[in-house]
Amino acid sequence: MTKRDLIELVAKKANLTNKAARDAVLTVINSIRDALKRKEKVVLTGFGTFSVRKRVARIGRNPKTGEKITIAARNAPGFTPGKTLKKVVR
């Protein structure tokens, strides 16, 4: 499912125009992005939790030359599915 498909589905299910549905979907996505940018956790009960995970620095290899390189520590987005979502997918 693409973002466009999701917008069309929301418009149909909520009896909204495509523009209103697009605004609603983009608002939700942008709100999650902004919360993660502030390093906050976003919990959607029954669906899952979006969070920021810390990746530690590590040693890697350049695949072309075989040379060892240091990969810097960084933050990465993470998602943990909720119990209800896990149950539905199984």
PDB file of N, CA and C in Angstrom:
ATOM      1  N   MET A   1       0.850  -1.174   0.000  1.00  0.00           N
ATOM      2  CA  MET A   1       0.000   0.000   0.000  1.00  0.00           C
ATOM      3  C   MET A   1       0.895   1.237   0.000  1.00  0.00           C
ATOM      4  N   THR A   2       0.608   2.152  -0.874  1.00  0.00           N
ATOM      5  CA  THR A   2       1.358   3.401  -0.955  1.00  0.00           C
ATOM      6  C   THR A   2       0.631   4.496  -0.171  1.00  0.00           C
ATOM      7  N   LYS A   3       1.296   5.630  -0.026  1.00  0.00           N
ATOM      8  CA  LYS A   3       0.671   6.758   0.662  1.00  0.00           C
ATOM      9  C   LYS A   3      -0.599   7.181  -0.073  1.00  0.00           C
ATOM     10  N   ARG A   4      -0.548   7.172  -1.398  1.00  0.00           N
ATOM     11  CA  ARG A   4      -1.720   7.543  -2.195  1.00  0.00           C
ATOM     12  C   ARG A   4      -2.877   6.577  -1.936  1.00  0.00           C
ATOM     13  N   ASP A   5      -2.577   5.269  -1.862  1.00  0.00           N
ATOM     14  CA  ASP A   5      -3.613   4.275  -1.572  1.00  0.00           C
ATOM     15  C   ASP A   5      -4.217   4.510  -0.194  1.00  0.00           C
ATOM     16  N   LEU A   6      -3.363   4.831   0.771  1.00  0.00           N
ATOM     17  CA  LEU A   6      -3.840   5.094   2.120  1.00  0.00           C
ATOM     18  C   LEU A   6      -4.755   6.309   2.150  1.00  0.00           C
ATOM     19  N   ILE A   7      -4.381   7.354   1.444  1.00  0.00           N
ATOM     20  CA  ILE A   7      -5.202   8.566   1.388  1.00  0.00           C
ATOM     21  C   ILE A   7      -6.567   8.260   0.780  1.00  0.00           C
ATOM     22  N   GLU A   8      -6.587   7.490  -0.304  1.00  0.00           N
ATOM     23  CA  GLU A   8      -7.856   7.128  -0.938  1.00  0.00           C
ATOM     24  C   GLU A   8      -8.719   6.287  -0.009  1.00  0.00           C
ATOM     25  N   LEU A   9      -8.099   5.371   0.734  1.00  0.00           N
ATOM     26  CA  LEU A   9      -8.837   4.529   1.671  1.00  0.00           C
ATOM     27  C   LEU A   9      -9.430   5.357   2.799  1.00  0.00           C
ATOM     28  N   VAL A  10      -8.647   6.293   3.344  1.00  0.00           N
ATOM     29  CA  VAL A  10      -9.136   7.165   4.411  1.00  0.00           C
ATOM     30  C   VAL A  10     -10.288   8.024   3.896  1.00  0.00           C
ATOM     31  N   ALA A  11     -10.160   8.540   2.677  1.00  0.00           N
ATOM     32  CA  ALA A  11     -11.227   9.366   2.093  1.00  0.00           C
ATOM     33  C   ALA A  11     -12.518   8.564   1.967  1.00  0.00           C
ATOM     34  N   LYS A  12     -12.390   7.328   1.525  1.00  0.00           N
ATOM     35  CA  LYS A  12     -13.570   6.482   1.320  1.00  0.00           C
ATOM     36  C   LYS A  12     -14.207   6.080   2.652  1.00  0.00           C
ATOM     37  N   LYS A  13     -13.381   5.613   3.600  1.00  0.00           N
ATOM     38  CA  LYS A  13     -13.902   5.118   4.883  1.00  0.00           C
ATOM     39  C   LYS A  13     -14.469   6.239   5.753  1.00  0.00           C
ATOM     40  N   ALA A  14     -13.823   7.418   5.734  1.00  0.00           N
ATOM     41  CA  ALA A  14     -14.251   8.519   6.594  1.00  0.00           C
ATOM     42  C   ALA A  14     -15.190   9.485   5.870  1.00  0.00           C
ATOM     43  N   ASN A  15     -15.531   9.165   4.618  1.00  0.00           N
ATOM     44  CA  ASN A  15     -16.426  10.002   3.827  1.00  0.00           C
ATOM     45  C   ASN A  15     -15.885  11.435   3.736  1.00  0.00           C
ATOM     46  N   LEU A  16     -14.598  11.534   3.360  1.00  0.00           N
ATOM     47  CA  LEU A  16     -13.933  12.822   3.203  1.00  0.00           C
ATOM     48  C   LEU A  16     -13.543  13.020   1.744  1.00  0.00           C
ATOM     49  N   THR A  17     -13.233  14.255   1.413  1.00  0.00           N
ATOM     50  CA  THR A  17     -12.669  14.501   0.084  1.00  0.00           C
ATOM     51  C   THR A  17     -11.220  14.016   0.094  1.00  0.00           C
ATOM     52  N   ASN A  18     -10.660  13.788  -1.092  1.00  0.00           N
ATOM     53  CA  ASN A  18      -9.270  13.352  -1.166  1.00  0.00           C
ATOM     54  C   ASN A  18      -8.331  14.386  -0.557  1.00  0.00           C
ATOM     55  N   LYS A  19      -8.636  15.662  -0.741  1.00  0.00           N
ATOM     56  CA  LYS A  19      -7.789  16.719  -0.177  1.00  0.00           C
ATOM     57  C   LYS A  19      -7.822  16.691   1.347  1.00  0.00           C
ATOM     58  N   ALA A  20      -9.016  16.532   1.931  1.00  0.00           N
ATOM     59  CA  ALA A  20      -9.135  16.478   3.394  1.00  0.00           C
ATOM     60  C   ALA A  20      -8.443  15.235   3.946  1.00  0.00           C
ATOM     61  N   ALA A  21      -8.590  14.116   3.254  1.00  0.00           N
ATOM     62  CA  ALA A  21      -7.944  12.881   3.693  1.00  0.00           C
ATOM     63  C   ALA A  21      -6.425  13.008   3.589  1.00  0.00           C
ATOM     64  N   ARG A  22      -5.945  13.639   2.505  1.00  0.00           N
ATOM     65  CA  ARG A  22      -4.499  13.833   2.334  1.00  0.00           C
ATOM     66  C   ARG A  22      -3.955  14.697   3.467  1.00  0.00           C
ATOM     67  N   ASP A  23      -4.677  15.771   3.803  1.00  0.00           N
ATOM     68  CA  ASP A  23      -4.252  16.635   4.899  1.00  0.00           C
ATOM     69  C   ASP A  23      -4.211  15.876   6.217  1.00  0.00           C
ATOM     70  N   ALA A  24      -5.196  15.019   6.459  1.00  0.00           N
ATOM     71  CA  ALA A  24      -5.253  14.250   7.699  1.00  0.00           C
ATOM     72  C   ALA A  24      -4.089  13.260   7.779  1.00  0.00           C
ATOM     73  N   VAL A  25      -3.864  12.516   6.711  1.00  0.00           N
ATOM     74  CA  VAL A  25      -2.782  11.521   6.701  1.00  0.00           C
ATOM     75  C   VAL A  25      -1.428  12.206   6.844  1.00  0.00           C
ATOM     76  N   LEU A  26      -1.211  13.283   6.108  1.00  0.00           N
ATOM     77  CA  LEU A  26       0.071  13.984   6.193  1.00  0.00           C
ATOM     78  C   LEU A  26       0.288  14.602   7.571  1.00  0.00           C
ATOM     79  N   THR A  27      -0.773  15.064   8.206  1.00  0.00           N
ATOM     80  CA  THR A  27      -0.665  15.618   9.549  1.00  0.00           C
ATOM     81  C   THR A  27      -0.226  14.552  10.541  1.00  0.00           C
ATOM     82  N   VAL A  28      -0.800  13.366  10.442  1.00  0.00           N
ATOM     83  CA  VAL A  28      -0.412  12.269  11.331  1.00  0.00           C
ATOM     84  C   VAL A  28       1.054  11.890  11.097  1.00  0.00           C
ATOM     85  N   ILE A  29       1.440  11.711   9.844  1.00  0.00           N
ATOM     86  CA  ILE A  29       2.819  11.321   9.519  1.00  0.00           C
ATOM     87  C   ILE A  29       3.806  12.391   9.986  1.00  0.00           C
ATOM     88  N   ASN A  30       3.500  13.651   9.714  1.00  0.00           N
ATOM     89  CA  ASN A  30       4.392  14.741  10.120  1.00  0.00           C
ATOM     90  C   ASN A  30       4.476  14.877  11.637  1.00  0.00           C
ATOM     91  N   SER A  31       3.378  14.613  12.330  1.00  0.00           N
ATOM     92  CA  SER A  31       3.383  14.687  13.790  1.00  0.00           C
ATOM     93  C   SER A  31       4.276  13.605  14.386  1.00  0.00           C
ATOM     94  N   ILE A  32       4.218  12.391  13.824  1.00  0.00           N
ATOM     95  CA  ILE A  32       5.087  11.313  14.285  1.00  0.00           C
ATOM     96  C   ILE A  32       6.540  11.675  14.009  1.00  0.00           C
ATOM     97  N   ARG A  33       6.827  12.186  12.805  1.00  0.00           N
ATOM     98  CA  ARG A  33       8.187  12.579  12.444  1.00  0.00           C
ATOM     99  C   ARG A  33       8.724  13.656  13.388  1.00  0.00           C
ATOM    100  N   ASP A  34       7.902  14.668  13.681  1.00  0.00           N
ATOM    101  CA  ASP A  34       8.331  15.762  14.541  1.00  0.00           C
ATOM    102  C   ASP A  34       8.596  15.289  15.972  1.00  0.00           C
ATOM    103  N   ALA A  35       7.761  14.376  16.475  1.00  0.00           N
ATOM    104  CA  ALA A  35       7.965  13.835  17.822  1.00  0.00           C
ATOM    105  C   ALA A  35       9.271  13.048  17.882  1.00  0.00           C
ATOM    106  N   LEU A  36       9.555  12.252  16.866  1.00  0.00           N
ATOM    107  CA  LEU A  36      10.801  11.494  16.837  1.00  0.00           C
ATOM    108  C   LEU A  36      12.003  12.429  16.734  1.00  0.00           C
ATOM    109  N   LYS A  37      11.838  13.520  16.006  1.00  0.00           N
ATOM    110  CA  LYS A  37      12.908  14.502  15.888  1.00  0.00           C
ATOM    111  C   LYS A  37      13.248  15.095  17.255  1.00  0.00           C
ATOM    112  N   ARG A  38      12.225  15.244  18.105  1.00  0.00           N
ATOM    113  CA  ARG A  38      12.424  15.743  19.473  1.00  0.00           C
ATOM    114  C   ARG A  38      12.818  14.612  20.426  1.00  0.00           C
ATOM    115  N   LYS A  39      13.048  13.410  19.877  1.00  0.00           N
ATOM    116  CA  LYS A  39      13.438  12.209  20.633  1.00  0.00           C
ATOM    117  C   LYS A  39      12.354  11.769  21.607  1.00  0.00           C
ATOM    118  N   GLU A  40      11.102  11.985  21.223  1.00  0.00           N
ATOM    119  CA  GLU A  40       9.968  11.533  22.022  1.00  0.00           C
ATOM    120  C   GLU A  40       9.468  10.201  21.482  1.00  0.00           C
ATOM    121  N   LYS A  41       8.793   9.469  22.338  1.00  0.00           N
ATOM    122  CA  LYS A  41       8.203   8.197  21.950  1.00  0.00           C
ATOM    123  C   LYS A  41       6.753   8.431  21.527  1.00  0.00           C
ATOM    124  N   VAL A  42       6.298   7.763  20.473  1.00  0.00           N
ATOM    125  CA  VAL A  42       4.916   7.877  20.010  1.00  0.00           C
ATOM    126  C   VAL A  42       4.261   6.512  20.181  1.00  0.00           C
ATOM    127  N   VAL A  43       3.249   6.448  21.043  1.00  0.00           N
ATOM    128  CA  VAL A  43       2.574   5.189  21.335  1.00  0.00           C
ATOM    129  C   VAL A  43       1.174   5.229  20.738  1.00  0.00           C
ATOM    130  N   LEU A  44       0.889   4.302  19.831  1.00  0.00           N
ATOM    131  CA  LEU A  44      -0.447   4.143  19.266  1.00  0.00           C
ATOM    132  C   LEU A  44      -0.982   2.817  19.801  1.00  0.00           C
ATOM    133  N   THR A  45      -1.779   2.885  20.845  1.00  0.00           N
ATOM    134  CA  THR A  45      -2.267   1.686  21.514  1.00  0.00           C
ATOM    135  C   THR A  45      -2.972   0.772  20.521  1.00  0.00           C
ATOM    136  N   GLY A  46      -2.592  -0.489  20.536  1.00  0.00           N
ATOM    137  CA  GLY A  46      -3.172  -1.475  19.634  1.00  0.00           C
ATOM    138  C   GLY A  46      -2.435  -1.569  18.312  1.00  0.00           C
ATOM    139  N   PHE A  47      -1.559  -0.611  18.024  1.00  0.00           N
ATOM    140  CA  PHE A  47      -0.805  -0.629  16.777  1.00  0.00           C
ATOM    141  C   PHE A  47       0.678  -0.822  17.037  1.00  0.00           C
ATOM    142  N   GLY A  48       1.265   0.095  17.786  1.00  0.00           N
ATOM    143  CA  GLY A  48       2.689  -0.047  18.086  1.00  0.00           C
ATOM    144  C   GLY A  48       3.294   1.237  18.623  1.00  0.00           C
ATOM    145  N   THR A  49       4.622   1.189  18.798  1.00  0.00           N
ATOM    146  CA  THR A  49       5.355   2.310  19.363  1.00  0.00           C
ATOM    147  C   THR A  49       6.497   2.706  18.442  1.00  0.00           C
ATOM    148  N   PHE A  50       6.543   3.980  18.111  1.00  0.00           N
ATOM    149  CA  PHE A  50       7.654   4.542  17.352  1.00  0.00           C
ATOM    150  C   PHE A  50       8.606   5.166  18.367  1.00  0.00           C
ATOM    151  N   SER A  51       9.902   4.926  18.217  1.00  0.00           N
ATOM    152  CA  SER A  51      10.871   5.484  19.154  1.00  0.00           C
ATOM    153  C   SER A  51      12.184   5.753  18.433  1.00  0.00           C
ATOM    154  N   VAL A  52      13.076   6.456  19.133  1.00  0.00           N
ATOM    155  CA  VAL A  52      14.411   6.730  18.605  1.00  0.00           C
ATOM    156  C   VAL A  52      15.367   5.783  19.317  1.00  0.00           C
ATOM    157  N   ARG A  53      16.141   5.047  18.528  1.00  0.00           N
ATOM    158  CA  ARG A  53      17.100   4.099  19.084  1.00  0.00           C
ATOM    159  C   ARG A  53      18.512   4.605  18.830  1.00  0.00           C
ATOM    160  N   LYS A  54      19.366   4.416  19.823  1.00  0.00           N
ATOM    161  CA  LYS A  54      20.768   4.838  19.682  1.00  0.00           C
ATOM    162  C   LYS A  54      21.566   3.688  19.093  1.00  0.00           C
ATOM    163  N   ARG A  55      22.292   3.968  18.020  1.00  0.00           N
ATOM    164  CA  ARG A  55      23.197   2.990  17.414  1.00  0.00           C
ATOM    165  C   ARG A  55      24.601   3.353  17.878  1.00  0.00           C
ATOM    166  N   VAL A  56      25.307   2.403  18.448  1.00  0.00           N
ATOM    167  CA  VAL A  56      26.654   2.671  18.949  1.00  0.00           C
ATOM    168  C   VAL A  56      27.652   2.689  17.793  1.00  0.00           C
ATOM    169  N   ALA A  57      28.773   3.348  18.019  1.00  0.00           N
ATOM    170  CA  ALA A  57      29.843   3.378  17.013  1.00  0.00           C
ATOM    171  C   ALA A  57      30.409   1.969  16.881  1.00  0.00           C
ATOM    172  N   ARG A  58      30.832   1.615  15.677  1.00  0.00           N
ATOM    173  CA  ARG A  58      31.374   0.277  15.462  1.00  0.00           C
ATOM    174  C   ARG A  58      32.395   0.306  14.333  1.00  0.00           C
ATOM    175  N   ILE A  59      33.146  -0.756  14.234  1.00  0.00           N
ATOM    176  CA  ILE A  59      34.145  -0.894  13.177  1.00  0.00           C
ATOM    177  C   ILE A  59      33.494  -1.641  12.012  1.00  0.00           C
ATOM    178  N   GLY A  60      33.666  -1.116  10.810  1.00  0.00           N
ATOM    179  CA  GLY A  60      33.152  -1.763   9.601  1.00  0.00           C
ATOM    180  C   GLY A  60      34.274  -1.899   8.584  1.00  0.00           C
ATOM    181  N   ARG A  61      33.933  -2.419   7.439  1.00  0.00           N
ATOM    182  CA  ARG A  61      34.919  -2.573   6.365  1.00  0.00           C
ATOM    183  C   ARG A  61      34.382  -1.946   5.093  1.00  0.00           C
ATOM    184  N   ASN A  62      35.273  -1.279   4.388  1.00  0.00           N
ATOM    185  CA  ASN A  62      34.943  -0.776   3.063  1.00  0.00           C
ATOM    186  C   ASN A  62      34.920  -2.002   2.150  1.00  0.00           C
ATOM    187  N   PRO A  63      33.765  -2.334   1.550  1.00  0.00           N
ATOM    188  CA  PRO A  63      33.684  -3.556   0.751  1.00  0.00           C
ATOM    189  C   PRO A  63      34.568  -3.519  -0.499  1.00  0.00           C
ATOM    190  N   LYS A  64      34.867  -2.330  -0.972  1.00  0.00           N
ATOM    191  CA  LYS A  64      35.674  -2.216  -2.183  1.00  0.00           C
ATOM    192  C   LYS A  64      37.160  -2.450  -1.909  1.00  0.00           C
ATOM    193  N   THR A  65      37.657  -1.851  -0.805  1.00  0.00           N
ATOM    194  CA  THR A  65      39.090  -1.940  -0.536  1.00  0.00           C
ATOM    195  C   THR A  65      39.432  -2.896   0.605  1.00  0.00           C
ATOM    196  N   GLY A  66      38.446  -3.266   1.427  1.00  0.00           N
ATOM    197  CA  GLY A  66      38.707  -4.115   2.580  1.00  0.00           C
ATOM    198  C   GLY A  66      39.264  -3.344   3.765  1.00  0.00           C
ATOM    199  N   GLU A  67      39.436  -2.042   3.612  1.00  0.00           N
ATOM    200  CA  GLU A  67      39.994  -1.191   4.664  1.00  0.00           C
ATOM    201  C   GLU A  67      39.005  -1.064   5.818  1.00  0.00           C
ATOM    202  N   LYS A  68      39.523  -1.112   7.059  1.00  0.00           N
ATOM    203  CA  LYS A  68      38.669  -0.933   8.230  1.00  0.00           C
ATOM    204  C   LYS A  68      38.310   0.547   8.365  1.00  0.00           C
ATOM    205  N   ILE A  69      37.048   0.807   8.691  1.00  0.00           N
ATOM    206  CA  ILE A  69      36.583   2.173   8.903  1.00  0.00           C
ATOM    207  C   ILE A  69      35.752   2.202  10.185  1.00  0.00           C
ATOM    208  N   THR A  70      35.664   3.364  10.783  1.00  0.00           N
ATOM    209  CA  THR A  70      34.839   3.537  11.970  1.00  0.00           C
ATOM    210  C   THR A  70      33.501   4.129  11.548  1.00  0.00           C
ATOM    211  N   ILE A  71      32.439   3.452  11.927  1.00  0.00           N
ATOM    212  CA  ILE A  71      31.086   3.939  11.642  1.00  0.00           C
ATOM    213  C   ILE A  71      30.619   4.670  12.897  1.00  0.00           C
ATOM    214  N   ALA A  72      30.298   5.935  12.752  1.00  0.00           N
ATOM    215  CA  ALA A  72      29.956   6.791  13.896  1.00  0.00           C
ATOM    216  C   ALA A  72      28.644   6.366  14.547  1.00  0.00           C
ATOM    217  N   ALA A  73      28.505   6.697  15.824  1.00  0.00           N
ATOM    218  CA  ALA A  73      27.254   6.476  16.548  1.00  0.00           C
ATOM    219  C   ALA A  73      26.202   7.409  15.961  1.00  0.00           C
ATOM    220  N   ARG A  74      24.948   6.962  16.012  1.00  0.00           N
ATOM    221  CA  ARG A  74      23.872   7.791  15.476  1.00  0.00           C
ATOM    222  C   ARG A  74      22.545   7.349  16.068  1.00  0.00           C
ATOM    223  N   ASN A  75      21.536   8.154  15.854  1.00  0.00           N
ATOM    224  CA  ASN A  75      20.175   7.813  16.248  1.00  0.00           C
ATOM    225  C   ASN A  75      19.450   7.268  15.035  1.00  0.00           C
ATOM    226  N   ALA A  76      18.567   6.294  15.259  1.00  0.00           N
ATOM    227  CA  ALA A  76      17.808   5.699  14.172  1.00  0.00           C
ATOM    228  C   ALA A  76      16.362   5.511  14.631  1.00  0.00           C
ATOM    229  N   PRO A  77      15.399   5.683  13.734  1.00  0.00           N
ATOM    230  CA  PRO A  77      14.012   5.448  14.114  1.00  0.00           C
ATOM    231  C   PRO A  77      13.762   3.954  14.300  1.00  0.00           C
ATOM    232  N   GLY A  78      12.883   3.649  15.236  1.00  0.00           N
ATOM    233  CA  GLY A  78      12.530   2.254  15.478  1.00  0.00           C
ATOM    234  C   GLY A  78      11.040   2.109  15.640  1.00  0.00           C
ATOM    235  N   PHE A  79      10.552   0.893  15.393  1.00  0.00           N
ATOM    236  CA  PHE A  79       9.126   0.609  15.557  1.00  0.00           C
ATOM    237  C   PHE A  79       8.989  -0.736  16.243  1.00  0.00           C
ATOM    238  N   THR A  80       8.178  -0.779  17.289  1.00  0.00           N
ATOM    239  CA  THR A  80       7.868  -2.021  17.971  1.00  0.00           C
ATOM    240  C   THR A  80       6.371  -2.262  17.827  1.00  0.00           C
ATOM    241  N   PRO A  81       5.975  -3.341  17.158  1.00  0.00           N
ATOM    242  CA  PRO A  81       4.540  -3.590  16.979  1.00  0.00           C
ATOM    243  C   PRO A  81       3.866  -3.917  18.307  1.00  0.00           C
ATOM    244  N   GLY A  82       2.617  -3.503  18.427  1.00  0.00           N
ATOM    245  CA  GLY A  82       1.839  -3.783  19.619  1.00  0.00           C
ATOM    246  C   GLY A  82       1.267  -5.186  19.597  1.00  0.00           C
ATOM    247  N   LYS A  83       0.750  -5.614  20.728  1.00  0.00           N
ATOM    248  CA  LYS A  83       0.213  -6.962  20.870  1.00  0.00           C
ATOM    249  C   LYS A  83      -0.926  -7.233  19.885  1.00  0.00           C
ATOM    250  N   THR A  84      -1.820  -6.266  19.723  1.00  0.00           N
ATOM    251  CA  THR A  84      -2.960  -6.439  18.818  1.00  0.00           C
ATOM    252  C   THR A  84      -2.505  -6.582  17.375  1.00  0.00           C
ATOM    253  N   LEU A  85      -1.545  -5.763  16.950  1.00  0.00           N
ATOM    254  CA  LEU A  85      -1.027  -5.842  15.581  1.00  0.00           C
ATOM    255  C   LEU A  85      -0.350  -7.185  15.339  1.00  0.00           C
ATOM    256  N   LYS A  86       0.445  -7.646  16.294  1.00  0.00           N
ATOM    257  CA  LYS A  86       1.099  -8.942  16.162  1.00  0.00           C
ATOM    258  C   LYS A  86       0.076 -10.060  16.004  1.00  0.00           C
ATOM    259  N   LYS A  87      -0.976  -9.985  16.795  1.00  0.00           N
ATOM    260  CA  LYS A  87      -2.015 -11.016  16.762  1.00  0.00           C
ATOM    261  C   LYS A  87      -2.747 -11.040  15.426  1.00  0.00           C
ATOM    262  N   VAL A  88      -3.026  -9.878  14.858  1.00  0.00           N
ATOM    263  CA  VAL A  88      -3.727  -9.776  13.575  1.00  0.00           C
ATOM    264  C   VAL A  88      -2.876 -10.303  12.435  1.00  0.00           C
ATOM    265  N   VAL A  89      -1.569 -10.015  12.486  1.00  0.00           N
ATOM    266  CA  VAL A  89      -0.680 -10.407  11.403  1.00  0.00           C
ATOM    267  C   VAL A  89      -0.440 -11.912  11.402  1.00  0.00           C
ATOM    268  N   ARG A  90      -0.405 -12.524  12.563  1.00  0.00           N
ATOM    269  CA  ARG A  90      -0.173 -13.970  12.650  1.00  0.00           C
ATOM    270  C   ARG A  90      -1.294 -14.664  12.003  1.00  0.00           C
TER     271      ARG A  90
END
